[in-house]
Amino acid sequence: MTPLKVVFKVSGGFAPPPLPLHLDALLAYQRTRQHAKFKLAKDGFSVATLRSLGDNLALDKHEQDDEWCWKASAIMPVGPIEVSSRFFTQRRDQAAYSMRVARGDVQHGRHPINEKEGMRQCAPMKKDAYQIDTLRGVYRNLLGFYSIIKASAPISGNMELVAWCVGDKGTIESQLSDGMITHLGARRRVGHGRIEEVTVEEDESALENWRLRVRPWQMMDDDAPIQAAWRAPYWAAENRGQAFCPAGLI
């Protein structure tokens, strides 16, 4: 295992997710996509089988007090940055959407349109049309905003994001360059966080900098207590617990 620095050059700015994005989460995602089809065909589908694909990574572990985490930091911007807000609107064409549901082109909720038990649609507005709620829930109309990070003075229009880890250089380079990971952060479908280049190089500072991540223990003076996961899948509620994160990452 080698101390490594991973640099991502991205275009379109970086829309940070609510919690830190970790390097090991990217590697677990790539490995899961790469092996899921073969593994699930062999062993059959189960949540445990699917999640186990992200457990065997080319990273070193830190073990302490009967817990562990990967020696892989969160991904963070490099150099002077500018933080701004992007506003957006979400409006649902209720009549067009309702007609598509009624025709069976779109399944609204969990149940098909012709199932009576458990149907989530409201009563018909008129023949072949169903009403949806645009005041609350996922179909609501709204005005919102999100944060976007860009380099203050980009040379090529791109910005750099960096992460540190202790792991196998060749394997990590291969995972990050096979084309399965194309963007970083949120709002990818509108062009933010598109990866243009990835470099992996040896860096002794990674022996300390991997700690710049969410962990189940306090390891730095500025660590803040949070409720979060410290291993993939980071979105799984059962993986969350009392954790600590450097204040600069939240």
Protein backbone atom coordinates (compact mmCIF):
# COMPACT_ATOMS: atom_id res chain seq x y z
CA MET A 1 0.00 0.00 0.00
CA THR A 2 1.31 3.41 -1.05
CA PRO A 3 0.38 6.93 0.13
CA LEU A 4 -1.33 8.56 -2.84
CA LYS A 5 -2.77 11.87 -3.96
CA VAL A 6 -5.62 11.78 -6.48
CA VAL A 7 -6.37 14.93 -8.48
CA PHE A 8 -9.56 15.33 -10.52
CA LYS A 9 -9.87 18.10 -13.10
CA VAL A 10 -13.56 18.85 -13.62
CA SER A 11 -15.54 21.20 -15.81
CA GLY A 12 -18.84 22.91 -15.10
CA GLY A 13 -18.05 23.61 -11.45
CA PHE A 14 -18.68 21.34 -8.48
CA ALA A 15 -22.07 21.07 -6.79
CA PRO A 16 -21.21 19.63 -3.36
CA PRO A 17 -23.54 17.00 -1.89
CA PRO A 18 -24.97 17.57 1.62
CA LEU A 19 -22.26 15.40 3.22
CA PRO A 20 -18.62 14.90 2.14
CA LEU A 21 -18.01 12.78 -0.95
CA HIS A 22 -15.35 10.17 -0.17
CA LEU A 23 -12.82 8.62 -2.53
CA ASP A 24 -13.66 5.12 -1.30
CA ALA A 25 -17.31 5.73 -2.24
CA LEU A 26 -16.24 6.25 -5.86
CA LEU A 27 -14.10 3.11 -5.83
CA ALA A 28 -16.92 1.06 -4.26
CA TYR A 29 -19.37 2.37 -6.88
CA GLN A 30 -17.03 1.48 -9.75
CA ARG A 31 -16.37 -2.01 -8.41
CA THR A 32 -20.07 -2.65 -7.81
CA ARG A 33 -20.97 -1.66 -11.37
CA GLN A 34 -18.07 -3.66 -12.80
CA HIS A 35 -18.88 -6.93 -11.04
CA ALA A 36 -22.62 -6.74 -10.29
CA LYS A 37 -23.85 -8.58 -13.38
CA PHE A 38 -21.52 -11.57 -12.94
CA LYS A 39 -21.84 -11.77 -9.15
CA LEU A 40 -25.62 -11.52 -9.04
CA ALA A 41 -25.99 -14.04 -11.86
CA LYS A 42 -23.81 -16.49 -9.93
CA ASP A 43 -25.08 -15.99 -6.38
CA GLY A 44 -28.56 -14.61 -7.01
CA PHE A 45 -29.78 -11.16 -6.08
CA SER A 46 -29.73 -10.04 -2.48
CA VAL A 47 -28.99 -6.73 -0.80
CA ALA A 48 -26.10 -8.34 1.08
CA THR A 49 -24.54 -9.70 -2.11
CA LEU A 50 -24.85 -6.36 -3.88
CA ARG A 51 -23.36 -4.38 -1.02
CA SER A 52 -20.51 -6.84 -0.52
CA LEU A 53 -19.14 -5.88 -3.95
CA GLY A 54 -17.95 -2.58 -2.50
CA ASP A 55 -16.19 -4.14 0.49
CA ASN A 56 -13.03 -5.42 -1.20
CA LEU A 57 -11.17 -2.26 -2.20
CA ALA A 58 -7.50 -1.64 -2.98
CA LEU A 59 -7.19 0.56 0.11
CA ASP A 60 -5.62 0.22 3.52
CA LYS A 61 -7.85 0.24 6.62
CA HIS A 62 -7.56 2.06 9.91
CA GLU A 63 -8.89 -0.02 12.80
CA GLN A 64 -9.60 1.35 16.25
CA ASP A 65 -11.96 0.53 19.13
CA ASP A 66 -13.61 -2.37 17.27
CA GLU A 67 -14.44 -0.13 14.29
CA TRP A 68 -12.69 0.66 11.01
CA CYS A 69 -12.74 2.95 8.00
CA TRP A 70 -10.81 3.14 4.76
CA LYS A 71 -7.69 5.28 4.62
CA ALA A 72 -9.25 7.49 1.97
CA SER A 73 -10.15 11.14 2.42
CA ALA A 74 -13.10 13.13 1.24
CA ILE A 75 -12.81 14.89 -2.11
CA MET A 76 -12.26 18.63 -1.74
CA PRO A 77 -11.47 21.70 -3.89
CA VAL A 78 -7.89 22.90 -4.40
CA GLY A 79 -6.74 26.52 -4.42
CA PRO A 80 -8.81 29.73 -4.37
CA ILE A 81 -12.47 29.06 -5.04
CA GLU A 82 -15.68 30.99 -5.50
CA VAL A 83 -18.98 29.80 -4.03
CA SER A 84 -22.20 30.99 -5.61
CA SER A 85 -25.82 29.90 -5.89
CA ARG A 86 -27.80 28.64 -8.85
CA PHE A 87 -31.57 29.05 -8.82
CA PHE A 88 -33.99 26.71 -10.52
CA THR A 89 -37.71 26.16 -10.96
CA GLN A 90 -39.57 22.89 -11.06
CA ARG A 91 -42.93 22.90 -12.77
CA ARG A 92 -45.04 19.91 -13.67
CA ASP A 93 -47.30 19.99 -16.72
CA GLN A 94 -50.15 18.43 -14.80
CA ALA A 95 -52.49 17.81 -17.72
CA ALA A 96 -49.84 16.21 -19.94
CA TYR A 97 -48.47 14.08 -17.10
CA SER A 98 -51.93 12.91 -16.04
CA MET A 99 -52.80 11.88 -19.57
CA ARG A 100 -49.58 9.85 -19.88
CA VAL A 101 -50.37 8.09 -16.59
CA ALA A 102 -53.90 7.31 -17.77
CA ARG A 103 -52.61 5.86 -21.05
CA GLY A 104 -50.14 3.67 -19.16
CA ASP A 105 -47.07 5.41 -20.64
CA VAL A 106 -45.93 6.37 -17.12
CA GLN A 107 -46.39 4.43 -13.89
CA HIS A 108 -47.39 6.83 -11.14
CA GLY A 109 -46.14 5.59 -7.77
CA ARG A 110 -45.63 1.93 -6.99
CA HIS A 111 -48.81 0.55 -8.51
CA PRO A 112 -49.95 0.29 -12.14
CA ILE A 113 -52.91 2.42 -13.16
CA ASN A 114 -55.32 -0.56 -13.35
CA GLU A 115 -54.72 -1.84 -9.82
CA LYS A 116 -57.45 -0.81 -7.41
CA GLU A 117 -55.79 -1.90 -4.18
CA GLY A 118 -53.17 0.54 -3.00
CA MET A 119 -53.62 3.01 -5.87
CA ARG A 120 -51.99 6.32 -5.05
CA GLN A 121 -53.78 8.39 -7.71
CA CYS A 122 -56.62 10.66 -6.79
CA ALA A 123 -60.07 10.27 -8.32
CA PRO A 124 -60.28 10.89 -12.06
CA MET A 125 -60.48 14.54 -13.14
CA LYS A 126 -62.07 13.48 -16.40
CA LYS A 127 -61.95 10.51 -18.71
CA ASP A 128 -58.39 9.19 -19.17
CA ALA A 129 -56.86 11.83 -16.84
CA TYR A 130 -55.79 11.63 -13.19
CA GLN A 131 -55.02 14.42 -10.78
CA ILE A 132 -51.59 14.79 -9.17
CA ASP A 133 -50.57 16.90 -6.19
CA THR A 134 -48.40 19.85 -7.24
CA LEU A 135 -48.39 21.48 -3.80
CA ARG A 136 -46.42 18.83 -1.86
CA GLY A 137 -44.33 15.72 -2.42
CA VAL A 138 -42.07 14.88 -5.34
CA TYR A 139 -44.48 16.34 -7.93
CA ARG A 140 -44.74 19.77 -6.33
CA ASN A 141 -43.97 23.01 -8.17
CA LEU A 142 -41.17 24.93 -6.51
CA LEU A 143 -38.42 27.52 -6.73
CA GLY A 144 -35.13 26.38 -5.23
CA PHE A 145 -31.39 26.91 -5.29
CA TYR A 146 -28.15 25.00 -4.79
CA SER A 147 -24.50 25.92 -4.21
CA ILE A 148 -21.87 25.69 -6.93
CA ILE A 149 -18.09 25.87 -6.40
CA LYS A 150 -15.71 27.11 -9.10
CA ALA A 151 -12.04 28.01 -9.23
CA SER A 152 -11.43 31.74 -8.76
CA ALA A 153 -9.00 31.96 -11.68
CA PRO A 154 -9.18 28.77 -13.76
CA ILE A 155 -6.45 28.44 -16.36
CA SER A 156 -8.32 26.09 -18.67
CA GLY A 157 -11.89 26.57 -17.47
CA ASN A 158 -11.54 23.52 -15.20
CA MET A 159 -11.13 23.29 -11.46
CA GLU A 160 -9.22 20.76 -9.37
CA LEU A 161 -10.55 18.48 -6.67
CA VAL A 162 -8.17 16.42 -4.58
CA ALA A 163 -8.30 13.38 -2.31
CA TRP A 164 -5.66 11.38 -0.45
CA CYS A 165 -5.51 7.69 0.30
CA VAL A 166 -3.24 4.78 1.17
CA GLY A 167 -3.71 2.04 -1.39
CA ASP A 168 -2.59 0.21 -4.50
CA LYS A 169 -1.68 2.80 -7.13
CA GLY A 170 -2.20 0.63 -10.22
CA THR A 171 -5.60 -0.67 -9.19
CA ILE A 172 -6.89 2.76 -8.19
CA GLU A 173 -5.68 4.30 -11.47
CA SER A 174 -7.43 1.53 -13.39
CA GLN A 175 -10.70 1.99 -11.50
CA LEU A 176 -10.78 5.75 -11.99
CA SER A 177 -9.89 5.66 -15.69
CA ASP A 178 -12.22 2.94 -17.02
CA GLY A 179 -15.01 5.39 -17.87
CA MET A 180 -17.59 4.28 -15.30
CA ILE A 181 -17.09 7.38 -13.13
CA THR A 182 -17.80 10.42 -15.30
CA HIS A 183 -18.88 13.14 -12.83
CA LEU A 184 -18.38 14.23 -9.24
CA GLY A 185 -20.94 15.79 -6.94
CA ALA A 186 -24.58 16.66 -7.42
CA ARG A 187 -26.48 18.09 -10.40
CA ARG A 188 -24.52 16.01 -12.89
CA ARG A 189 -27.28 16.01 -15.50
CA VAL A 190 -26.96 19.79 -15.94
CA GLY A 191 -23.22 19.55 -16.57
CA HIS A 192 -21.62 20.11 -13.16
CA GLY A 193 -18.61 18.09 -12.04
CA ARG A 194 -17.73 16.46 -15.36
CA ILE A 195 -14.35 14.69 -14.98
CA GLU A 196 -11.91 15.77 -17.70
CA GLU A 197 -8.71 14.25 -16.27
CA VAL A 198 -7.56 12.13 -13.32
CA THR A 199 -4.00 11.79 -12.03
CA VAL A 200 -2.75 9.51 -9.25
CA GLU A 201 0.68 10.16 -7.76
CA GLU A 202 2.64 9.14 -4.71
CA ASP A 203 2.45 11.65 -1.87
CA GLU A 204 3.73 11.07 1.66
CA SER A 205 1.28 13.64 3.04
CA ALA A 206 -1.48 11.08 2.42
CA LEU A 207 -0.30 9.23 5.55
CA GLU A 208 -1.90 12.10 7.50
CA ASN A 209 -4.36 13.61 5.03
CA TRP A 210 -6.50 10.46 4.67
CA ARG A 211 -7.97 11.53 8.02
CA LEU A 212 -9.79 14.38 6.24
CA ARG A 213 -12.97 12.36 6.16
CA VAL A 214 -15.92 11.16 8.23
CA ARG A 215 -14.74 8.71 10.92
CA PRO A 216 -16.26 6.92 13.91
CA TRP A 217 -13.61 8.48 16.17
CA GLN A 218 -12.32 11.98 16.88
CA MET A 219 -8.79 12.30 15.50
CA MET A 220 -8.35 16.08 15.03
CA ASP A 221 -8.88 19.09 17.24
CA ASP A 222 -11.45 20.65 14.90
CA ASP A 223 -13.52 17.49 14.44
CA ALA A 224 -17.25 18.13 14.72
CA PRO A 225 -19.71 15.44 15.85
CA ILE A 226 -22.27 14.50 13.19
CA GLN A 227 -24.68 11.71 12.36
CA ALA A 228 -23.32 10.06 9.21
CA ALA A 229 -22.00 6.85 7.66
CA TRP A 230 -18.25 6.22 7.45
CA ARG A 231 -18.35 3.30 5.01
CA ALA A 232 -20.15 2.64 1.75
CA PRO A 233 -22.98 2.62 1.00
CA TYR A 234 -23.03 6.07 2.56
CA TRP A 235 -26.72 6.52 1.75
CA ALA A 236 -27.81 3.49 3.79
CA ALA A 237 -29.61 4.56 6.97
CA GLU A 238 -28.36 1.51 8.89
CA ASN A 239 -24.74 2.58 8.26
CA ARG A 240 -25.22 5.92 9.98
CA GLY A 241 -24.18 6.59 13.54
CA GLN A 242 -22.24 8.92 15.78
CA ALA A 243 -19.29 10.08 13.71
CA PHE A 244 -16.74 12.88 13.52
CA CYS A 245 -15.75 15.07 10.60
CA PRO A 246 -13.24 17.95 10.19
CA ALA A 247 -15.15 21.19 10.48
CA GLY A 248 -13.90 22.41 7.10
CA LEU A 249 -15.71 19.59 5.28
CA ILE A 250 -19.24 20.32 6.54
